[in-house]
Amino acid sequence: MWINLAVVVVLLGYLLLSIANKLVAATAQRRTEIAALRLVGTTPRQIRAMMRREAAVIAAAALVSGLLLSAVPLALLGQGFLGRPWPAGPAWLLPAVAATVVLTSYLTIELPTRHALRTPPADALRTP
């Protein structure tokens, strides 16, 4: 049982790392967009607020789709193995997963945005 749990944790960690890497890369590629916004008068605070809202939308979409995609298989497995439609396990697991998704979404968008805002807008537009 412990080996199976360790394998699942490692695989989920790898999945989380790859998703975080994709979000960081996608946000870093938007540095010209951020520079253009700064040149037309958008303040860094407004850009950070916009990116935080985008992170919230991404986190909400991930949570809703993950919950919807996992609800039916978990209900069927729970009914088949336990005789009830909800799975066995600790109650804290769902909020912990939700907090991890939200934190990952926030950090992987906020940190590259702050880095892009440190670069002068003219320099960011000049660099391909």
N, C-alpha and C. Protein backbone atom coordinates (compact mmCIF):
# COMPACT_ATOMS: atom_id res chain seq x y z
N MET A 1 0.81 -1.18 0.00
CA MET A 1 0.00 0.00 0.00
C MET A 1 0.87 1.27 0.00
N TRP A 2 1.94 1.28 0.80
CA TRP A 2 2.78 2.47 0.89
C TRP A 2 3.53 2.74 -0.41
N ILE A 3 3.91 1.67 -1.09
CA ILE A 3 4.60 1.84 -2.37
C ILE A 3 3.64 2.45 -3.39
N ASN A 4 2.41 1.95 -3.42
CA ASN A 4 1.42 2.51 -4.34
C ASN A 4 1.16 3.99 -4.03
N LEU A 5 1.04 4.31 -2.76
CA LEU A 5 0.82 5.70 -2.36
C LEU A 5 2.01 6.57 -2.76
N ALA A 6 3.21 6.07 -2.57
CA ALA A 6 4.40 6.83 -2.94
C ALA A 6 4.46 7.06 -4.45
N VAL A 7 4.11 6.06 -5.23
CA VAL A 7 4.11 6.20 -6.69
C VAL A 7 3.07 7.23 -7.12
N VAL A 8 1.89 7.19 -6.53
CA VAL A 8 0.84 8.15 -6.87
C VAL A 8 1.28 9.57 -6.51
N VAL A 9 1.90 9.74 -5.35
CA VAL A 9 2.36 11.07 -4.93
C VAL A 9 3.43 11.58 -5.89
N VAL A 10 4.35 10.74 -6.28
CA VAL A 10 5.41 11.15 -7.22
C VAL A 10 4.81 11.52 -8.57
N LEU A 11 3.87 10.73 -9.06
CA LEU A 11 3.24 11.03 -10.35
C LEU A 11 2.43 12.32 -10.30
N LEU A 12 1.70 12.54 -9.22
CA LEU A 12 0.94 13.78 -9.07
C LEU A 12 1.87 14.98 -8.92
N GLY A 13 2.98 14.80 -8.22
CA GLY A 13 3.96 15.88 -8.11
C GLY A 13 4.56 16.23 -9.46
N TYR A 14 4.86 15.23 -10.26
CA TYR A 14 5.39 15.47 -11.60
C TYR A 14 4.35 16.18 -12.46
N LEU A 15 3.09 15.79 -12.36
CA LEU A 15 2.02 16.45 -13.11
C LEU A 15 1.89 17.91 -12.67
N LEU A 16 1.92 18.16 -11.38
CA LEU A 16 1.82 19.53 -10.88
C LEU A 16 3.01 20.37 -11.35
N LEU A 17 4.19 19.79 -11.36
CA LEU A 17 5.37 20.50 -11.82
C LEU A 17 5.27 20.84 -13.31
N SER A 18 4.77 19.92 -14.11
CA SER A 18 4.66 20.19 -15.54
C SER A 18 3.60 21.25 -15.83
N ILE A 19 2.51 21.24 -15.09
CA ILE A 19 1.48 22.27 -15.26
C ILE A 19 2.02 23.63 -14.82
N ALA A 20 2.72 23.67 -13.71
CA ALA A 20 3.31 24.92 -13.24
C ALA A 20 4.32 25.45 -14.24
N ASN A 21 5.12 24.59 -14.82
CA ASN A 21 6.10 24.99 -15.81
C ASN A 21 5.42 25.57 -17.04
N LYS A 22 4.33 24.98 -17.47
CA LYS A 22 3.58 25.48 -18.63
C LYS A 22 3.01 26.86 -18.33
N LEU A 23 2.45 27.07 -17.15
CA LEU A 23 1.90 28.38 -16.80
C LEU A 23 2.99 29.45 -16.70
N VAL A 24 4.13 29.10 -16.15
CA VAL A 24 5.24 30.05 -16.06
C VAL A 24 5.71 30.43 -17.46
N ALA A 25 5.87 29.45 -18.33
CA ALA A 25 6.33 29.73 -19.69
C ALA A 25 5.32 30.58 -20.46
N ALA A 26 4.05 30.27 -20.31
CA ALA A 26 3.02 31.04 -21.01
C ALA A 26 2.97 32.48 -20.52
N THR A 27 3.14 32.68 -19.23
CA THR A 27 3.13 34.04 -18.69
C THR A 27 4.39 34.79 -19.09
N ALA A 28 5.53 34.12 -19.09
CA ALA A 28 6.78 34.77 -19.47
C ALA A 28 6.77 35.18 -20.94
N GLN A 29 6.08 34.44 -21.78
CA GLN A 29 6.01 34.78 -23.20
C GLN A 29 5.16 36.02 -23.45
N ARG A 30 4.40 36.44 -22.48
CA ARG A 30 3.53 37.60 -22.62
C ARG A 30 4.22 38.90 -22.21
N ARG A 31 5.54 38.88 -22.12
CA ARG A 31 6.24 40.08 -21.67
C ARG A 31 6.08 41.24 -22.64
N THR A 32 5.96 40.97 -23.95
CA THR A 32 5.74 42.06 -24.90
C THR A 32 4.34 42.66 -24.72
N GLU A 33 3.36 41.82 -24.42
CA GLU A 33 2.01 42.32 -24.14
C GLU A 33 2.02 43.20 -22.90
N ILE A 34 2.72 42.76 -21.88
CA ILE A 34 2.81 43.54 -20.64
C ILE A 34 3.53 44.86 -20.89
N ALA A 35 4.59 44.82 -21.70
CA ALA A 35 5.32 46.05 -22.03
C ALA A 35 4.45 47.00 -22.84
N ALA A 36 3.68 46.49 -23.78
CA ALA A 36 2.79 47.34 -24.57
C ALA A 36 1.72 47.98 -23.68
N LEU A 37 1.20 47.22 -22.74
CA LEU A 37 0.23 47.79 -21.81
C LEU A 37 0.85 48.90 -20.98
N ARG A 38 2.08 48.70 -20.56
CA ARG A 38 2.76 49.73 -19.76
C ARG A 38 2.99 50.99 -20.59
N LEU A 39 3.32 50.83 -21.88
CA LEU A 39 3.58 51.99 -22.73
C LEU A 39 2.32 52.80 -23.03
N VAL A 40 1.16 52.17 -23.00
CA VAL A 40 -0.07 52.92 -23.25
C VAL A 40 -0.66 53.50 -21.97
N GLY A 41 0.03 53.31 -20.85
CA GLY A 41 -0.38 53.98 -19.63
C GLY A 41 -0.92 53.10 -18.52
N THR A 42 -0.94 51.82 -18.69
CA THR A 42 -1.40 50.93 -17.63
C THR A 42 -0.34 50.88 -16.53
N THR A 43 -0.78 50.98 -15.31
CA THR A 43 0.17 50.96 -14.20
C THR A 43 0.53 49.51 -13.86
N PRO A 44 1.69 49.30 -13.25
CA PRO A 44 2.04 47.94 -12.83
C PRO A 44 1.01 47.32 -11.89
N ARG A 45 0.40 48.14 -11.05
CA ARG A 45 -0.63 47.62 -10.15
C ARG A 45 -1.83 47.09 -10.93
N GLN A 46 -2.23 47.80 -11.98
CA GLN A 46 -3.35 47.35 -12.80
C GLN A 46 -3.01 46.06 -13.54
N ILE A 47 -1.78 45.95 -14.00
CA ILE A 47 -1.36 44.73 -14.69
C ILE A 47 -1.34 43.55 -13.74
N ARG A 48 -0.81 43.76 -12.53
CA ARG A 48 -0.81 42.67 -11.55
C ARG A 48 -2.23 42.25 -11.18
N ALA A 49 -3.14 43.22 -11.06
CA ALA A 49 -4.54 42.90 -10.75
C ALA A 49 -5.17 42.09 -11.89
N MET A 50 -4.88 42.48 -13.13
CA MET A 50 -5.40 41.74 -14.29
C MET A 50 -4.88 40.31 -14.29
N MET A 51 -3.60 40.15 -14.02
CA MET A 51 -3.01 38.81 -14.04
C MET A 51 -3.54 37.97 -12.87
N ARG A 52 -3.81 38.60 -11.73
CA ARG A 52 -4.40 37.85 -10.61
C ARG A 52 -5.80 37.37 -10.96
N ARG A 53 -6.57 38.21 -11.66
CA ARG A 53 -7.90 37.77 -12.10
C ARG A 53 -7.79 36.62 -13.09
N GLU A 54 -6.81 36.68 -13.98
CA GLU A 54 -6.59 35.56 -14.90
C GLU A 54 -6.21 34.29 -14.14
N ALA A 55 -5.39 34.43 -13.11
CA ALA A 55 -5.02 33.27 -12.30
C ALA A 55 -6.24 32.70 -11.60
N ALA A 56 -7.14 33.57 -11.14
CA ALA A 56 -8.37 33.10 -10.49
C ALA A 56 -9.26 32.35 -11.47
N VAL A 57 -9.35 32.84 -12.70
CA VAL A 57 -10.16 32.16 -13.72
C VAL A 57 -9.56 30.80 -14.05
N ILE A 58 -8.24 30.74 -14.18
CA ILE A 58 -7.57 29.46 -14.47
C ILE A 58 -7.79 28.48 -13.33
N ALA A 59 -7.62 28.95 -12.10
CA ALA A 59 -7.81 28.07 -10.94
C ALA A 59 -9.25 27.58 -10.85
N ALA A 60 -10.21 28.48 -11.08
CA ALA A 60 -11.63 28.08 -11.02
C ALA A 60 -11.95 27.07 -12.11
N ALA A 61 -11.45 27.30 -13.31
CA ALA A 61 -11.70 26.36 -14.40
C ALA A 61 -11.08 25.00 -14.10
N ALA A 62 -9.87 25.01 -13.55
CA ALA A 62 -9.22 23.74 -13.21
C ALA A 62 -9.97 23.00 -12.11
N LEU A 63 -10.42 23.73 -11.10
CA LEU A 63 -11.15 23.09 -10.00
C LEU A 63 -12.50 22.54 -10.46
N VAL A 64 -13.24 23.32 -11.22
CA VAL A 64 -14.56 22.87 -11.68
C VAL A 64 -14.43 21.68 -12.63
N SER A 65 -13.53 21.78 -13.59
CA SER A 65 -13.38 20.67 -14.54
C SER A 65 -12.84 19.41 -13.84
N GLY A 66 -11.90 19.59 -12.93
CA GLY A 66 -11.38 18.43 -12.20
C GLY A 66 -12.43 17.77 -11.34
N LEU A 67 -13.25 18.58 -10.69
CA LEU A 67 -14.32 18.03 -9.85
C LEU A 67 -15.37 17.32 -10.70
N LEU A 68 -15.75 17.94 -11.81
CA LEU A 68 -16.75 17.32 -12.68
C LEU A 68 -16.25 16.03 -13.33
N LEU A 69 -14.99 16.04 -13.75
CA LEU A 69 -14.44 14.85 -14.40
C LEU A 69 -14.19 13.70 -13.42
N SER A 70 -13.97 14.02 -12.16
CA SER A 70 -13.69 12.96 -11.20
C SER A 70 -14.92 12.50 -10.42
N ALA A 71 -15.99 13.26 -10.45
CA ALA A 71 -17.17 12.93 -9.63
C ALA A 71 -17.81 11.61 -10.04
N VAL A 72 -18.03 11.42 -11.33
CA VAL A 72 -18.71 10.20 -11.78
C VAL A 72 -17.86 8.95 -11.53
N PRO A 73 -16.57 8.94 -11.92
CA PRO A 73 -15.78 7.73 -11.63
C PRO A 73 -15.66 7.44 -10.13
N LEU A 74 -15.49 8.49 -9.31
CA LEU A 74 -15.39 8.26 -7.87
C LEU A 74 -16.71 7.75 -7.30
N ALA A 75 -17.83 8.26 -7.79
CA ALA A 75 -19.13 7.78 -7.31
C ALA A 75 -19.35 6.32 -7.71
N LEU A 76 -18.97 5.97 -8.94
CA LEU A 76 -19.13 4.59 -9.38
C LEU A 76 -18.22 3.64 -8.61
N LEU A 77 -16.98 4.04 -8.39
CA LEU A 77 -16.06 3.20 -7.62
C LEU A 77 -16.52 3.08 -6.17
N GLY A 78 -16.98 4.18 -5.60
CA GLY A 78 -17.48 4.13 -4.22
C GLY A 78 -18.69 3.22 -4.10
N GLN A 79 -19.59 3.31 -5.06
CA GLN A 79 -20.77 2.44 -5.05
C GLN A 79 -20.38 0.98 -5.21
N GLY A 80 -19.42 0.71 -6.09
CA GLY A 80 -19.02 -0.66 -6.34
C GLY A 80 -18.26 -1.29 -5.19
N PHE A 81 -17.34 -0.54 -4.59
CA PHE A 81 -16.49 -1.10 -3.54
C PHE A 81 -17.04 -0.90 -2.13
N LEU A 82 -17.71 0.21 -1.89
CA LEU A 82 -18.12 0.55 -0.54
C LEU A 82 -19.63 0.49 -0.33
N GLY A 83 -20.40 0.44 -1.41
CA GLY A 83 -21.85 0.41 -1.30
C GLY A 83 -22.45 1.79 -1.06
N ARG A 84 -21.68 2.85 -1.26
CA ARG A 84 -22.18 4.21 -1.14
C ARG A 84 -21.53 5.06 -2.24
N PRO A 85 -22.20 6.12 -2.66
CA PRO A 85 -21.68 6.87 -3.82
C PRO A 85 -20.53 7.83 -3.52
N TRP A 86 -20.10 7.98 -2.31
CA TRP A 86 -18.97 8.85 -2.02
C TRP A 86 -17.76 7.99 -1.65
N PRO A 87 -16.59 8.42 -2.05
CA PRO A 87 -15.39 7.62 -1.81
C PRO A 87 -14.93 7.69 -0.36
N ALA A 88 -14.14 6.72 0.02
CA ALA A 88 -13.54 6.72 1.35
C ALA A 88 -12.31 7.61 1.32
N GLY A 89 -11.98 8.16 2.43
CA GLY A 89 -10.80 9.00 2.51
C GLY A 89 -11.03 10.16 3.45
N PRO A 90 -9.96 10.87 3.75
CA PRO A 90 -10.08 11.99 4.68
C PRO A 90 -10.85 13.16 4.06
N ALA A 91 -11.59 13.86 4.87
CA ALA A 91 -12.40 14.99 4.40
C ALA A 91 -11.54 16.20 4.05
N TRP A 92 -10.34 16.28 4.59
CA TRP A 92 -9.48 17.43 4.34
C TRP A 92 -8.81 17.38 2.97
N LEU A 93 -8.92 16.25 2.28
CA LEU A 93 -8.20 16.09 1.02
C LEU A 93 -8.71 17.03 -0.07
N LEU A 94 -10.01 17.20 -0.19
CA LEU A 94 -10.57 18.08 -1.23
C LEU A 94 -10.16 19.54 -1.02
N PRO A 95 -10.30 20.11 0.18
CA PRO A 95 -9.82 21.49 0.36
C PRO A 95 -8.30 21.62 0.19
N ALA A 96 -7.55 20.59 0.54
CA ALA A 96 -6.10 20.65 0.36
C ALA A 96 -5.74 20.68 -1.12
N VAL A 97 -6.42 19.87 -1.91
CA VAL A 97 -6.18 19.86 -3.36
C VAL A 97 -6.59 21.21 -3.96
N ALA A 98 -7.72 21.73 -3.54
CA ALA A 98 -8.18 23.03 -4.04
C ALA A 98 -7.18 24.13 -3.69
N ALA A 99 -6.68 24.13 -2.46
CA ALA A 99 -5.69 25.13 -2.05
C ALA A 99 -4.40 24.99 -2.85
N THR A 100 -3.99 23.77 -3.13
CA THR A 100 -2.79 23.55 -3.93
C THR A 100 -2.96 24.07 -5.34
N VAL A 101 -4.12 23.84 -5.94
CA VAL A 101 -4.39 24.33 -7.30
C VAL A 101 -4.39 25.85 -7.33
N VAL A 102 -5.06 26.46 -6.36
CA VAL A 102 -5.13 27.93 -6.32
C VAL A 102 -3.74 28.53 -6.08
N LEU A 103 -2.99 27.97 -5.15
CA LEU A 103 -1.65 28.48 -4.86
C LEU A 103 -0.72 28.32 -6.06
N THR A 104 -0.79 27.18 -6.71
CA THR A 104 0.04 26.96 -7.90
C THR A 104 -0.31 27.94 -9.00
N SER A 105 -1.59 28.13 -9.24
CA SER A 105 -2.03 29.07 -10.27
C SER A 105 -1.56 30.48 -9.95
N TYR A 106 -1.74 30.90 -8.72
CA TYR A 106 -1.35 32.25 -8.33
C TYR A 106 0.16 32.46 -8.47
N LEU A 107 0.95 31.55 -7.91
CA LEU A 107 2.40 31.74 -7.93
C LEU A 107 2.99 31.66 -9.33
N THR A 108 2.49 30.74 -10.14
CA THR A 108 3.08 30.57 -11.47
C THR A 108 2.69 31.68 -12.43
N ILE A 109 1.73 32.50 -12.07
CA ILE A 109 1.39 33.66 -12.89
C ILE A 109 1.95 34.94 -12.26
N GLU A 110 1.89 35.04 -10.96
CA GLU A 110 2.33 36.25 -10.27
C GLU A 110 3.84 36.47 -10.39
N LEU A 111 4.63 35.44 -10.19
CA LEU A 111 6.09 35.62 -10.19
C LEU A 111 6.63 36.03 -11.56
N PRO A 112 6.25 35.37 -12.67
CA PRO A 112 6.74 35.85 -13.98
C PRO A 112 6.22 37.25 -14.33
N THR A 113 5.02 37.58 -13.86
CA THR A 113 4.48 38.92 -14.13
C THR A 113 5.32 39.97 -13.42
N ARG A 114 5.65 39.72 -12.17
CA ARG A 114 6.50 40.68 -11.43
C ARG A 114 7.87 40.81 -12.09
N HIS A 115 8.39 39.69 -12.59
CA HIS A 115 9.68 39.73 -13.28
C HIS A 115 9.56 40.55 -14.57
N ALA A 116 8.48 40.37 -15.31
CA ALA A 116 8.29 41.12 -16.56
C ALA A 116 8.10 42.61 -16.28
N LEU A 117 7.50 42.95 -15.15
CA LEU A 117 7.29 44.36 -14.82
C LEU A 117 8.58 45.05 -14.41
N ARG A 118 9.58 44.30 -14.01
CA ARG A 118 10.88 44.90 -13.64
C ARG A 118 11.65 45.35 -14.87
N THR A 119 11.37 44.75 -16.02
CA THR A 119 12.07 45.11 -17.25
C THR A 119 11.46 46.39 -17.82
N PRO A 120 12.27 47.36 -18.21
CA PRO A 120 11.71 48.56 -18.84
C PRO A 120 10.92 48.19 -20.10
N PRO A 121 9.76 48.82 -20.31
CA PRO A 121 8.90 48.43 -21.42
C PRO A 121 9.58 48.53 -22.79
N ALA A 122 10.37 49.54 -23.01
CA ALA A 122 11.05 49.68 -24.30
C ALA A 122 12.03 48.54 -24.55
N ASP A 123 12.72 48.10 -23.50
CA ASP A 123 13.65 46.97 -23.63
C ASP A 123 12.90 45.68 -23.89
N ALA A 124 11.75 45.50 -23.27
CA ALA A 124 10.98 44.27 -23.46
C ALA A 124 10.43 44.19 -24.87
N LEU A 125 10.06 45.33 -25.46
CA LEU A 125 9.55 45.31 -26.82
C LEU A 125 10.66 45.11 -27.84
N ARG A 126 11.84 45.57 -27.51
CA ARG A 126 12.98 45.43 -28.43
C ARG A 126 13.47 43.99 -28.51
N THR A 127 13.39 43.25 -27.39
CA THR A 127 13.88 41.88 -27.35
C THR A 127 12.83 40.94 -27.95
N PRO A 128 13.23 40.08 -28.91
CA PRO A 128 12.24 39.17 -29.51
C PRO A 128 11.86 38.03 -28.61
